[in-house]
């Protein structure tokens, strides 16, 4: 892949990310935050449902289900807080906060996994 192609793909990804934030703010003009969260999770669940068939019958290690529950609860809390915060801010500020949170989550995870190796 050339540099120009890579830069164009990054620009396209950034545009989709920004359009998503605009769409999210527009949705909240018509729905309350919890309904928006429910719709997002329903759509995501329907999109992921076919992939679960690939994992059918697979054996998982100890602690898998507890980790899955913890991640699901944390995701539910964070997406609800995100939706509520979209109500009182501009699209630009909301995009900045969501993008910053996305980067910070990865950095915290990286720092945590490094600390566990020590």
PDB file of N, CA and C in Angstrom:
ATOM      1  N   UNK A   1       0.854  -1.165   0.000  1.00  0.00           N
ATOM      2  CA  UNK A   1       0.000   0.000   0.000  1.00  0.00           C
ATOM      3  C   UNK A   1       0.904   1.234   0.000  1.00  0.00           C
ATOM      4  N   UNK A   2       0.603   2.146  -0.850  1.00  0.00           N
ATOM      5  CA  UNK A   2       1.410   3.362  -0.934  1.00  0.00           C
ATOM      6  C   UNK A   2       1.038   4.326   0.197  1.00  0.00           C
ATOM      7  N   UNK A   3       1.895   5.328   0.381  1.00  0.00           N
ATOM      8  CA  UNK A   3       1.633   6.332   1.405  1.00  0.00           C
ATOM      9  C   UNK A   3       0.355   7.104   1.119  1.00  0.00           C
ATOM     10  N   UNK A   4       0.127   7.401  -0.136  1.00  0.00           N
ATOM     11  CA  UNK A   4      -1.073   8.155  -0.513  1.00  0.00           C
ATOM     12  C   UNK A   4      -2.326   7.335  -0.218  1.00  0.00           C
ATOM     13  N   UNK A   5      -2.303   6.050  -0.547  1.00  0.00           N
ATOM     14  CA  UNK A   5      -3.456   5.189  -0.256  1.00  0.00           C
ATOM     15  C   UNK A   5      -3.696   5.100   1.251  1.00  0.00           C
ATOM     16  N   UNK A   6      -2.617   4.939   2.012  1.00  0.00           N
ATOM     17  CA  UNK A   6      -2.754   4.843   3.468  1.00  0.00           C
ATOM     18  C   UNK A   6      -3.325   6.139   4.042  1.00  0.00           C
ATOM     19  N   UNK A   7      -2.834   7.263   3.580  1.00  0.00           N
ATOM     20  CA  UNK A   7      -3.347   8.541   4.065  1.00  0.00           C
ATOM     21  C   UNK A   7      -4.805   8.748   3.680  1.00  0.00           C
ATOM     22  N   UNK A   8      -5.182   8.327   2.482  1.00  0.00           N
ATOM     23  CA  UNK A   8      -6.584   8.452   2.059  1.00  0.00           C
ATOM     24  C   UNK A   8      -7.487   7.560   2.908  1.00  0.00           C
ATOM     25  N   UNK A   9      -7.026   6.355   3.226  1.00  0.00           N
ATOM     26  CA  UNK A   9      -7.814   5.467   4.082  1.00  0.00           C
ATOM     27  C   UNK A   9      -7.951   6.029   5.493  1.00  0.00           C
ATOM     28  N   UNK A  10      -6.890   6.624   6.018  1.00  0.00           N
ATOM     29  CA  UNK A  10      -6.973   7.255   7.338  1.00  0.00           C
ATOM     30  C   UNK A  10      -7.937   8.429   7.327  1.00  0.00           C
ATOM     31  N   UNK A  11      -7.892   9.201   6.263  1.00  0.00           N
ATOM     32  CA  UNK A  11      -8.817  10.329   6.138  1.00  0.00           C
ATOM     33  C   UNK A  11     -10.261   9.840   6.059  1.00  0.00           C
ATOM     34  N   UNK A  12     -10.496   8.775   5.312  1.00  0.00           N
ATOM     35  CA  UNK A  12     -11.837   8.197   5.203  1.00  0.00           C
ATOM     36  C   UNK A  12     -12.309   7.668   6.565  1.00  0.00           C
ATOM     37  N   UNK A  13     -11.428   6.985   7.291  1.00  0.00           N
ATOM     38  CA  UNK A  13     -11.786   6.474   8.621  1.00  0.00           C
ATOM     39  C   UNK A  13     -12.117   7.623   9.570  1.00  0.00           C
ATOM     40  N   UNK A  14     -11.338   8.697   9.515  1.00  0.00           N
ATOM     41  CA  UNK A  14     -11.603   9.862  10.367  1.00  0.00           C
ATOM     42  C   UNK A  14     -12.932  10.515  10.000  1.00  0.00           C
ATOM     43  N   UNK A  15     -13.238  10.548   8.708  1.00  0.00           N
ATOM     44  CA  UNK A  15     -14.516  11.126   8.270  1.00  0.00           C
ATOM     45  C   UNK A  15     -15.687  10.291   8.788  1.00  0.00           C
ATOM     46  N   UNK A  16     -15.579   8.965   8.668  1.00  0.00           N
ATOM     47  CA  UNK A  16     -16.648   8.096   9.175  1.00  0.00           C
ATOM     48  C   UNK A  16     -16.812   8.279  10.681  1.00  0.00           C
ATOM     49  N   UNK A  17     -15.687   8.401  11.399  1.00  0.00           N
ATOM     50  CA  UNK A  17     -15.729   8.605  12.849  1.00  0.00           C
ATOM     51  C   UNK A  17     -16.479   9.907  13.164  1.00  0.00           C
ATOM     52  N   UNK A  18     -16.145  10.966  12.450  1.00  0.00           N
ATOM     53  CA  UNK A  18     -16.803  12.251  12.678  1.00  0.00           C
ATOM     54  C   UNK A  18     -18.271  12.225  12.305  1.00  0.00           C
ATOM     55  N   UNK A  19     -18.602  11.598  11.176  1.00  0.00           N
ATOM     56  CA  UNK A  19     -20.003  11.490  10.765  1.00  0.00           C
ATOM     57  C   UNK A  19     -20.806  10.717  11.805  1.00  0.00           C
ATOM     58  N   UNK A  20     -20.177   9.720  12.414  1.00  0.00           N
ATOM     59  CA  UNK A  20     -20.849   8.949  13.460  1.00  0.00           C
ATOM     60  C   UNK A  20     -21.201   9.811  14.653  1.00  0.00           C
ATOM     61  N   UNK A  21     -20.302  10.716  15.013  1.00  0.00           N
ATOM     62  CA  UNK A  21     -20.582  11.617  16.129  1.00  0.00           C
ATOM     63  C   UNK A  21     -21.711  12.586  15.798  1.00  0.00           C
ATOM     64  N   UNK A  22     -21.740  13.073  14.571  1.00  0.00           N
ATOM     65  CA  UNK A  22     -22.835  13.948  14.155  1.00  0.00           C
ATOM     66  C   UNK A  22     -24.157  13.187  14.187  1.00  0.00           C
ATOM     67  N   UNK A  23     -24.137  11.968  13.672  1.00  0.00           N
ATOM     68  CA  UNK A  23     -25.351  11.142  13.681  1.00  0.00           C
ATOM     69  C   UNK A  23     -25.810  10.869  15.110  1.00  0.00           C
ATOM     70  N   UNK A  24     -24.859  10.608  15.988  1.00  0.00           N
ATOM     71  CA  UNK A  24     -25.203  10.325  17.377  1.00  0.00           C
ATOM     72  C   UNK A  24     -25.875  11.527  18.031  1.00  0.00           C
ATOM     73  N   UNK A  25     -25.350  12.701  17.780  1.00  0.00           N
ATOM     74  CA  UNK A  25     -25.943  13.919  18.344  1.00  0.00           C
ATOM     75  C   UNK A  25     -27.343  14.150  17.768  1.00  0.00           C
ATOM     76  N   UNK A  26     -27.523  13.850  16.488  1.00  0.00           N
ATOM     77  CA  UNK A  26     -28.824  14.009  15.846  1.00  0.00           C
ATOM     78  C   UNK A  26     -29.843  13.020  16.420  1.00  0.00           C
ATOM     79  N   UNK A  27     -29.409  11.795  16.677  1.00  0.00           N
ATOM     80  CA  UNK A  27     -30.303  10.784  17.257  1.00  0.00           C
ATOM     81  C   UNK A  27     -30.824  11.257  18.610  1.00  0.00           C
ATOM     82  N   UNK A  28     -29.962  11.901  19.383  1.00  0.00           N
ATOM     83  CA  UNK A  28     -30.372  12.348  20.718  1.00  0.00           C
ATOM     84  C   UNK A  28     -31.353  13.504  20.685  1.00  0.00           C
ATOM     85  N   UNK A  29     -31.538  14.122  19.516  1.00  0.00           N
ATOM     86  CA  UNK A  29     -32.584  15.131  19.380  1.00  0.00           C
ATOM     87  C   UNK A  29     -33.968  14.483  19.354  1.00  0.00           C
ATOM     88  N   UNK A  30     -34.024  13.189  19.054  1.00  0.00           N
ATOM     89  CA  UNK A  30     -35.303  12.492  18.899  1.00  0.00           C
ATOM     90  C   UNK A  30     -35.540  11.393  19.933  1.00  0.00           C
ATOM     91  N   UNK A  31     -34.475  10.910  20.570  1.00  0.00           N
ATOM     92  CA  UNK A  31     -34.593   9.831  21.556  1.00  0.00           C
ATOM     93  C   UNK A  31     -33.899  10.239  22.850  1.00  0.00           C
ATOM     94  N   UNK A  32     -34.307   9.615  23.944  1.00  0.00           N
ATOM     95  CA  UNK A  32     -33.586   9.829  25.188  1.00  0.00           C
ATOM     96  C   UNK A  32     -32.323   8.951  25.182  1.00  0.00           C
ATOM     97  N   UNK A  33     -31.340   9.239  26.056  1.00  0.00           N
ATOM     98  CA  UNK A  33     -30.068   8.518  26.018  1.00  0.00           C
ATOM     99  C   UNK A  33     -30.185   7.007  26.178  1.00  0.00           C
ATOM    100  N   UNK A  34     -31.049   6.543  27.061  1.00  0.00           N
ATOM    101  CA  UNK A  34     -31.156   5.096  27.262  1.00  0.00           C
ATOM    102  C   UNK A  34     -31.763   4.391  26.056  1.00  0.00           C
ATOM    103  N   UNK A  35     -32.692   5.027  25.383  1.00  0.00           N
ATOM    104  CA  UNK A  35     -33.242   4.440  24.149  1.00  0.00           C
ATOM    105  C   UNK A  35     -32.167   4.375  23.067  1.00  0.00           C
ATOM    106  N   UNK A  36     -31.347   5.420  22.985  1.00  0.00           N
ATOM    107  CA  UNK A  36     -30.256   5.425  22.006  1.00  0.00           C
ATOM    108  C   UNK A  36     -29.258   4.310  22.304  1.00  0.00           C
ATOM    109  N   UNK A  37     -28.945   4.112  23.588  1.00  0.00           N
ATOM    110  CA  UNK A  37     -28.040   3.023  23.976  1.00  0.00           C
ATOM    111  C   UNK A  37     -28.647   1.679  23.598  1.00  0.00           C
ATOM    112  N   UNK A  38     -29.932   1.522  23.885  1.00  0.00           N
ATOM    113  CA  UNK A  38     -30.610   0.262  23.544  1.00  0.00           C
ATOM    114  C   UNK A  38     -30.594  -0.018  22.050  1.00  0.00           C
ATOM    115  N   UNK A  39     -30.830   1.007  21.258  1.00  0.00           N
ATOM    116  CA  UNK A  39     -30.809   0.827  19.803  1.00  0.00           C
ATOM    117  C   UNK A  39     -29.405   0.471  19.307  1.00  0.00           C
ATOM    118  N   UNK A  40     -28.387   1.157  19.843  1.00  0.00           N
ATOM    119  CA  UNK A  40     -27.009   0.858  19.437  1.00  0.00           C
ATOM    120  C   UNK A  40     -26.639  -0.573  19.786  1.00  0.00           C
ATOM    121  N   UNK A  41     -26.992  -0.988  20.995  1.00  0.00           N
ATOM    122  CA  UNK A  41     -26.657  -2.353  21.421  1.00  0.00           C
ATOM    123  C   UNK A  41     -27.441  -3.393  20.635  1.00  0.00           C
ATOM    124  N   UNK A  42     -28.688  -3.105  20.309  1.00  0.00           N
ATOM    125  CA  UNK A  42     -29.487  -4.029  19.515  1.00  0.00           C
ATOM    126  C   UNK A  42     -28.884  -4.195  18.115  1.00  0.00           C
ATOM    127  N   UNK A  43     -28.519  -3.091  17.495  1.00  0.00           N
ATOM    128  CA  UNK A  43     -27.910  -3.165  16.159  1.00  0.00           C
ATOM    129  C   UNK A  43     -26.576  -3.903  16.226  1.00  0.00           C
ATOM    130  N   UNK A  44     -25.757  -3.594  17.235  1.00  0.00           N
ATOM    131  CA  UNK A  44     -24.473  -4.277  17.377  1.00  0.00           C
ATOM    132  C   UNK A  44     -24.664  -5.764  17.610  1.00  0.00           C
ATOM    133  N   UNK A  45     -25.640  -6.122  18.438  1.00  0.00           N
ATOM    134  CA  UNK A  45     -25.913  -7.534  18.696  1.00  0.00           C
ATOM    135  C   UNK A  45     -26.339  -8.284  17.445  1.00  0.00           C
ATOM    136  N   UNK A  46     -27.175  -7.636  16.643  1.00  0.00           N
ATOM    137  CA  UNK A  46     -27.605  -8.271  15.394  1.00  0.00           C
ATOM    138  C   UNK A  46     -26.450  -8.434  14.412  1.00  0.00           C
ATOM    139  N   UNK A  47     -25.529  -7.486  14.424  1.00  0.00           N
ATOM    140  CA  UNK A  47     -24.374  -7.580  13.522  1.00  0.00           C
ATOM    141  C   UNK A  47     -23.395  -8.666  13.966  1.00  0.00           C
ATOM    142  N   UNK A  48     -23.279  -8.875  15.267  1.00  0.00           N
ATOM    143  CA  UNK A  48     -22.316  -9.838  15.799  1.00  0.00           C
ATOM    144  C   UNK A  48     -22.905 -11.248  15.885  1.00  0.00           C
ATOM    145  N   UNK A  49     -24.225 -11.354  15.899  1.00  0.00           N
ATOM    146  CA  UNK A  49     -24.876 -12.649  16.071  1.00  0.00           C
ATOM    147  C   UNK A  49     -24.377 -13.728  15.108  1.00  0.00           C
ATOM    148  N   UNK A  50     -24.209 -13.450  13.826  1.00  0.00           N
ATOM    149  CA  UNK A  50     -23.693 -14.515  12.938  1.00  0.00           C
ATOM    150  C   UNK A  50     -22.284 -14.983  13.312  1.00  0.00           C
ATOM    151  N   UNK A  51     -21.490 -14.098  13.890  1.00  0.00           N
ATOM    152  CA  UNK A  51     -20.133 -14.488  14.270  1.00  0.00           C
ATOM    153  C   UNK A  51     -20.115 -15.432  15.470  1.00  0.00           C
ATOM    154  N   UNK A  52     -21.161 -15.387  16.280  1.00  0.00           N
ATOM    155  CA  UNK A  52     -21.205 -16.290  17.431  1.00  0.00           C
ATOM    156  C   UNK A  52     -21.321 -17.744  16.995  1.00  0.00           C
ATOM    157  N   UNK A  53     -21.874 -17.971  15.829  1.00  0.00           N
ATOM    158  CA  UNK A  53     -21.977 -19.346  15.326  1.00  0.00           C
ATOM    159  C   UNK A  53     -20.597 -19.945  15.079  1.00  0.00           C
ATOM    160  N   UNK A  54     -19.621 -19.104  14.761  1.00  0.00           N
ATOM    161  CA  UNK A  54     -18.262 -19.596  14.551  1.00  0.00           C
ATOM    162  C   UNK A  54     -17.635 -20.089  15.848  1.00  0.00           C
ATOM    163  N   UNK A  55     -18.086 -19.551  16.983  1.00  0.00           N
ATOM    164  CA  UNK A  55     -17.537 -19.911  18.292  1.00  0.00           C
ATOM    165  C   UNK A  55     -18.338 -20.999  18.999  1.00  0.00           C
ATOM    166  N   UNK A  56     -19.399 -21.458  18.366  1.00  0.00           N
ATOM    167  CA  UNK A  56     -20.280 -22.440  18.997  1.00  0.00           C
ATOM    168  C   UNK A  56     -19.511 -23.710  19.328  1.00  0.00           C
ATOM    169  N   UNK A  57     -19.620 -24.198  20.551  1.00  0.00           N
ATOM    170  CA  UNK A  57     -18.985 -25.442  20.964  1.00  0.00           C
ATOM    171  C   UNK A  57     -17.527 -25.294  21.369  1.00  0.00           C
ATOM    172  N   UNK A  58     -16.996 -24.116  21.317  1.00  0.00           N
ATOM    173  CA  UNK A  58     -15.604 -23.897  21.689  1.00  0.00           C
ATOM    174  C   UNK A  58     -15.469 -23.899  23.206  1.00  0.00           C
ATOM    175  N   UNK A  59     -14.408 -24.496  23.708  1.00  0.00           N
ATOM    176  CA  UNK A  59     -14.148 -24.544  25.149  1.00  0.00           C
ATOM    177  C   UNK A  59     -13.390 -23.285  25.565  1.00  0.00           C
ATOM    178  N   UNK A  60     -13.861 -22.638  26.631  1.00  0.00           N
ATOM    179  CA  UNK A  60     -13.226 -21.434  27.132  1.00  0.00           C
ATOM    180  C   UNK A  60     -12.568 -21.730  28.466  1.00  0.00           C
ATOM    181  N   UNK A  61     -11.497 -20.999  28.748  1.00  0.00           N
ATOM    182  CA  UNK A  61     -10.736 -21.190  29.974  1.00  0.00           C
ATOM    183  C   UNK A  61     -11.474 -20.693  31.201  1.00  0.00           C
ATOM    184  N   UNK A  62     -10.902 -20.979  32.380  1.00  0.00           N
ATOM    185  CA  UNK A  62     -11.525 -20.518  33.626  1.00  0.00           C
ATOM    186  C   UNK A  62     -11.512 -18.994  33.697  1.00  0.00           C
ATOM    187  N   UNK A  63     -12.569 -18.443  34.219  1.00  0.00           N
ATOM    188  CA  UNK A  63     -12.673 -16.998  34.355  1.00  0.00           C
ATOM    189  C   UNK A  63     -13.195 -16.294  33.124  1.00  0.00           C
ATOM    190  N   UNK A  64     -13.472 -17.030  32.058  1.00  0.00           N
ATOM    191  CA  UNK A  64     -13.938 -16.419  30.817  1.00  0.00           C
ATOM    192  C   UNK A  64     -15.272 -15.722  31.019  1.00  0.00           C
ATOM    193  N   UNK A  65     -16.220 -16.405  31.643  1.00  0.00           N
ATOM    194  CA  UNK A  65     -17.565 -15.838  31.789  1.00  0.00           C
ATOM    195  C   UNK A  65     -17.571 -14.652  32.739  1.00  0.00           C
ATOM    196  N   UNK A  66     -16.752 -14.721  33.812  1.00  0.00           N
ATOM    197  CA  UNK A  66     -16.676 -13.579  34.735  1.00  0.00           C
ATOM    198  C   UNK A  66     -16.063 -12.374  34.031  1.00  0.00           C
ATOM    199  N   UNK A  67     -15.042 -12.594  33.220  1.00  0.00           N
ATOM    200  CA  UNK A  67     -14.442 -11.490  32.454  1.00  0.00           C
ATOM    201  C   UNK A  67     -15.446 -10.913  31.471  1.00  0.00           C
ATOM    202  N   UNK A  68     -16.219 -11.770  30.837  1.00  0.00           N
ATOM    203  CA  UNK A  68     -17.222 -11.317  29.885  1.00  0.00           C
ATOM    204  C   UNK A  68     -18.289 -10.462  30.577  1.00  0.00           C
ATOM    205  N   UNK A  69     -18.696 -10.868  31.762  1.00  0.00           N
ATOM    206  CA  UNK A  69     -19.689 -10.103  32.523  1.00  0.00           C
ATOM    207  C   UNK A  69     -19.117  -8.744  32.931  1.00  0.00           C
ATOM    208  N   UNK A  70     -17.867  -8.723  33.421  1.00  0.00           N
ATOM    209  CA  UNK A  70     -17.239  -7.461  33.820  1.00  0.00           C
ATOM    210  C   UNK A  70     -17.132  -6.501  32.634  1.00  0.00           C
ATOM    211  N   UNK A  71     -16.689  -6.998  31.501  1.00  0.00           N
ATOM    212  CA  UNK A  71     -16.549  -6.157  30.313  1.00  0.00           C
ATOM    213  C   UNK A  71     -17.908  -5.637  29.865  1.00  0.00           C
ATOM    214  N   UNK A  72     -18.922  -6.487  29.908  1.00  0.00           N
ATOM    215  CA  UNK A  72     -20.264  -6.069  29.489  1.00  0.00           C
ATOM    216  C   UNK A  72     -20.813  -4.978  30.400  1.00  0.00           C
ATOM    217  N   UNK A  73     -20.619  -5.122  31.688  1.00  0.00           N
ATOM    218  CA  UNK A  73     -21.101  -4.117  32.635  1.00  0.00           C
ATOM    219  C   UNK A  73     -20.358  -2.791  32.434  1.00  0.00           C
ATOM    220  N   UNK A  74     -19.033  -2.848  32.323  1.00  0.00           N
ATOM    221  CA  UNK A  74     -18.257  -1.627  32.108  1.00  0.00           C
ATOM    222  C   UNK A  74     -18.629  -0.949  30.790  1.00  0.00           C
ATOM    223  N   UNK A  75     -18.839  -1.742  29.749  1.00  0.00           N
ATOM    224  CA  UNK A  75     -19.233  -1.179  28.463  1.00  0.00           C
ATOM    225  C   UNK A  75     -20.598  -0.508  28.586  1.00  0.00           C
ATOM    226  N   UNK A  76     -21.532  -1.154  29.272  1.00  0.00           N
ATOM    227  CA  UNK A  76     -22.872  -0.578  29.436  1.00  0.00           C
ATOM    228  C   UNK A  76     -22.822   0.748  30.187  1.00  0.00           C
ATOM    229  N   UNK A  77     -22.038   0.790  31.239  1.00  0.00           N
ATOM    230  CA  UNK A  77     -21.908   2.032  32.009  1.00  0.00           C
ATOM    231  C   UNK A  77     -21.271   3.118  31.156  1.00  0.00           C
ATOM    232  N   UNK A  78     -20.198   2.784  30.455  1.00  0.00           N
ATOM    233  CA  UNK A  78     -19.489   3.809  29.682  1.00  0.00           C
ATOM    234  C   UNK A  78     -20.319   4.328  28.518  1.00  0.00           C
ATOM    235  N   UNK A  79     -21.049   3.469  27.846  1.00  0.00           N
ATOM    236  CA  UNK A  79     -21.854   3.932  26.709  1.00  0.00           C
ATOM    237  C   UNK A  79     -23.032   4.778  27.200  1.00  0.00           C
ATOM    238  N   UNK A  80     -23.568   4.468  28.377  1.00  0.00           N
ATOM    239  CA  UNK A  80     -24.650   5.278  28.929  1.00  0.00           C
ATOM    240  C   UNK A  80     -24.138   6.664  29.325  1.00  0.00           C
ATOM    241  N   UNK A  81     -22.974   6.711  29.973  1.00  0.00           N
ATOM    242  CA  UNK A  81     -22.379   8.002  30.332  1.00  0.00           C
ATOM    243  C   UNK A  81     -22.076   8.812  29.072  1.00  0.00           C
ATOM    244  N   UNK A  82     -21.587   8.140  28.038  1.00  0.00           N
ATOM    245  CA  UNK A  82     -21.301   8.829  26.775  1.00  0.00           C
ATOM    246  C   UNK A  82     -22.571   9.448  26.195  1.00  0.00           C
ATOM    247  N   UNK A  83     -23.653   8.697  26.199  1.00  0.00           N
ATOM    248  CA  UNK A  83     -24.903   9.211  25.631  1.00  0.00           C
ATOM    249  C   UNK A  83     -25.425  10.405  26.416  1.00  0.00           C
ATOM    250  N   UNK A  84     -25.360  10.325  27.731  1.00  0.00           N
ATOM    251  CA  UNK A  84     -25.843  11.426  28.563  1.00  0.00           C
ATOM    252  C   UNK A  84     -24.966  12.662  28.356  1.00  0.00           C
ATOM    253  N   UNK A  85     -23.657  12.453  28.196  1.00  0.00           N
ATOM    254  CA  UNK A  85     -22.766  13.602  28.003  1.00  0.00           C
ATOM    255  C   UNK A  85     -22.968  14.258  26.639  1.00  0.00           C
ATOM    256  N   UNK A  86     -23.440  13.527  25.655  1.00  0.00           N
ATOM    257  CA  UNK A  86     -23.727  14.105  24.346  1.00  0.00           C
ATOM    258  C   UNK A  86     -24.861  15.128  24.417  1.00  0.00           C
ATOM    259  N   UNK A  87     -25.740  15.005  25.397  1.00  0.00           N
ATOM    260  CA  UNK A  87     -26.894  15.898  25.483  1.00  0.00           C
ATOM    261  C   UNK A  87     -26.507  17.355  25.675  1.00  0.00           C
ATOM    262  N   UNK A  88     -25.490  17.611  26.487  1.00  0.00           N
ATOM    263  CA  UNK A  88     -25.177  18.981  26.892  1.00  0.00           C
ATOM    264  C   UNK A  88     -23.903  19.536  26.272  1.00  0.00           C
ATOM    265  N   UNK A  89     -23.477  19.006  25.165  1.00  0.00           N
ATOM    266  CA  UNK A  89     -22.247  19.491  24.551  1.00  0.00           C
ATOM    267  C   UNK A  89     -22.411  19.584  23.044  1.00  0.00           C
ATOM    268  N   UNK A  90     -21.467  20.235  22.415  1.00  0.00           N
ATOM    269  CA  UNK A  90     -21.484  20.322  20.952  1.00  0.00           C
ATOM    270  C   UNK A  90     -20.895  19.049  20.360  1.00  0.00           C
ATOM    271  N   UNK A  91     -21.115  18.838  19.096  1.00  0.00           N
ATOM    272  CA  UNK A  91     -20.568  17.667  18.414  1.00  0.00           C
ATOM    273  C   UNK A  91     -19.040  17.699  18.453  1.00  0.00           C
ATOM    274  N   UNK A  92     -18.469  18.874  18.302  1.00  0.00           N
ATOM    275  CA  UNK A  92     -17.005  19.002  18.307  1.00  0.00           C
ATOM    276  C   UNK A  92     -16.432  18.581  19.648  1.00  0.00           C
ATOM    277  N   UNK A  93     -16.992  19.087  20.724  1.00  0.00           N
ATOM    278  CA  UNK A  93     -16.501  18.720  22.051  1.00  0.00           C
ATOM    279  C   UNK A  93     -16.742  17.243  22.343  1.00  0.00           C
ATOM    280  N   UNK A  94     -17.887  16.734  21.965  1.00  0.00           N
ATOM    281  CA  UNK A  94     -18.181  15.319  22.188  1.00  0.00           C
ATOM    282  C   UNK A  94     -17.214  14.440  21.398  1.00  0.00           C
ATOM    283  N   UNK A  95     -16.929  14.813  20.169  1.00  0.00           N
ATOM    284  CA  UNK A  95     -15.983  14.042  19.356  1.00  0.00           C
ATOM    285  C   UNK A  95     -14.604  14.037  19.992  1.00  0.00           C
ATOM    286  N   UNK A  96     -14.179  15.204  20.482  1.00  0.00           N
ATOM    287  CA  UNK A  96     -12.875  15.295  21.132  1.00  0.00           C
ATOM    288  C   UNK A  96     -12.821  14.398  22.367  1.00  0.00           C
ATOM    289  N   UNK A  97     -13.855  14.457  23.195  1.00  0.00           N
ATOM    290  CA  UNK A  97     -13.861  13.658  24.420  1.00  0.00           C
ATOM    291  C   UNK A  97     -13.890  12.159  24.126  1.00  0.00           C
ATOM    292  N   UNK A  98     -14.699  11.752  23.157  1.00  0.00           N
ATOM    293  CA  UNK A  98     -14.779  10.335  22.813  1.00  0.00           C
ATOM    294  C   UNK A  98     -13.459   9.850  22.227  1.00  0.00           C
ATOM    295  N   UNK A  99     -12.859  10.652  21.363  1.00  0.00           N
ATOM    296  CA  UNK A  99     -11.577  10.273  20.766  1.00  0.00           C
ATOM    297  C   UNK A  99     -10.485  10.199  21.826  1.00  0.00           C
ATOM    298  N   UNK A 100     -10.478  11.139  22.739  1.00  0.00           N
ATOM    299  CA  UNK A 100      -9.492  11.118  23.820  1.00  0.00           C
ATOM    300  C   UNK A 100      -9.697   9.902  24.711  1.00  0.00           C
ATOM    301  N   UNK A 101     -10.944   9.596  25.028  1.00  0.00           N
ATOM    302  CA  UNK A 101     -11.232   8.423  25.859  1.00  0.00           C
ATOM    303  C   UNK A 101     -10.802   7.134  25.160  1.00  0.00           C
ATOM    304  N   UNK A 102     -10.963   7.084  23.851  1.00  0.00           N
ATOM    305  CA  UNK A 102     -10.564   5.894  23.092  1.00  0.00           C
ATOM    306  C   UNK A 102      -9.057   5.683  23.185  1.00  0.00           C
ATOM    307  N   UNK A 103      -8.296   6.741  23.021  1.00  0.00           N
ATOM    308  CA  UNK A 103      -6.838   6.640  23.103  1.00  0.00           C
ATOM    309  C   UNK A 103      -6.405   6.325  24.533  1.00  0.00           C
ATOM    310  N   UNK A 104      -7.021   6.988  25.506  1.00  0.00           N
ATOM    311  CA  UNK A 104      -6.645   6.774  26.901  1.00  0.00           C
ATOM    312  C   UNK A 104      -6.947   5.350  27.356  1.00  0.00           C
ATOM    313  N   UNK A 105      -8.029   4.772  26.866  1.00  0.00           N
ATOM    314  CA  UNK A 105      -8.363   3.393  27.225  1.00  0.00           C
ATOM    315  C   UNK A 105      -7.248   2.449  26.789  1.00  0.00           C
ATOM    316  N   UNK A 106      -6.773   2.625  25.578  1.00  0.00           N
ATOM    317  CA  UNK A 106      -5.682   1.775  25.091  1.00  0.00           C
ATOM    318  C   UNK A 106      -4.410   1.985  25.902  1.00  0.00           C
ATOM    319  N   UNK A 107      -4.109   3.228  26.252  1.00  0.00           N
ATOM    320  CA  UNK A 107      -2.905   3.507  27.043  1.00  0.00           C
ATOM    321  C   UNK A 107      -3.005   2.923  28.452  1.00  0.00           C
ATOM    322  N   UNK A 108      -4.184   3.013  29.053  1.00  0.00           N
ATOM    323  CA  UNK A 108      -4.374   2.446  30.390  1.00  0.00           C
ATOM    324  C   UNK A 108      -4.225   0.926  30.332  1.00  0.00           C
ATOM    325  N   UNK A 109      -4.798   0.316  29.325  1.00  0.00           N
ATOM    326  CA  UNK A 109      -4.681  -1.134  29.168  1.00  0.00           C
ATOM    327  C   UNK A 109      -3.235  -1.534  28.955  1.00  0.00           C
ATOM    328  N   UNK A 110      -2.506  -0.784  28.136  1.00  0.00           N
ATOM    329  CA  UNK A 110      -1.099  -1.069  27.885  1.00  0.00           C
ATOM    330  C   UNK A 110      -0.297  -0.936  29.169  1.00  0.00           C
ATOM    331  N   UNK A 111      -0.556   0.131  29.930  1.00  0.00           N
ATOM    332  CA  UNK A 111       0.142   0.329  31.194  1.00  0.00           C
ATOM    333  C   UNK A 111      -0.171  -0.756  32.206  1.00  0.00           C
ATOM    334  N   UNK A 112      -1.422  -1.172  32.226  1.00  0.00           N
ATOM    335  CA  UNK A 112      -1.821  -2.219  33.160  1.00  0.00           C
ATOM    336  C   UNK A 112      -1.190  -3.560  32.819  1.00  0.00           C
ATOM    337  N   UNK A 113      -1.165  -3.897  31.522  1.00  0.00           N
ATOM    338  CA  UNK A 113      -0.576  -5.172  31.133  1.00  0.00           C
ATOM    339  C   UNK A 113       0.933  -5.160  31.366  1.00  0.00           C
ATOM    340  N   UNK A 114       1.579  -3.997  31.226  1.00  0.00           N
ATOM    341  CA  UNK A 114       3.009  -3.890  31.518  1.00  0.00           C
ATOM    342  C   UNK A 114       3.264  -4.065  33.002  1.00  0.00           C
ATOM    343  N   UNK A 115       2.405  -3.497  33.832  1.00  0.00           N
ATOM    344  CA  UNK A 115       2.557  -3.618  35.281  1.00  0.00           C
ATOM    345  C   UNK A 115       2.345  -5.049  35.749  1.00  0.00           C
ATOM    346  N   UNK A 116       1.488  -5.794  35.067  1.00  0.00           N
ATOM    347  CA  UNK A 116       1.216  -7.180  35.461  1.00  0.00           C
ATOM    348  C   UNK A 116       2.402  -8.086  35.134  1.00  0.00           C
ATOM    349  N   UNK A 117       3.196  -7.724  34.134  1.00  0.00           N
ATOM    350  CA  UNK A 117       4.349  -8.547  33.758  1.00  0.00           C
ATOM    351  C   UNK A 117       5.490  -8.402  34.756  1.00  0.00           C
ATOM    352  N   UNK A 118       5.496  -7.292  35.500  1.00  0.00           N
ATOM    353  CA  UNK A 118       6.620  -7.044  36.429  1.00  0.00           C
ATOM    354  C   UNK A 118       6.488  -7.874  37.657  1.00  0.00           C
TER     355      UNK A 118
END
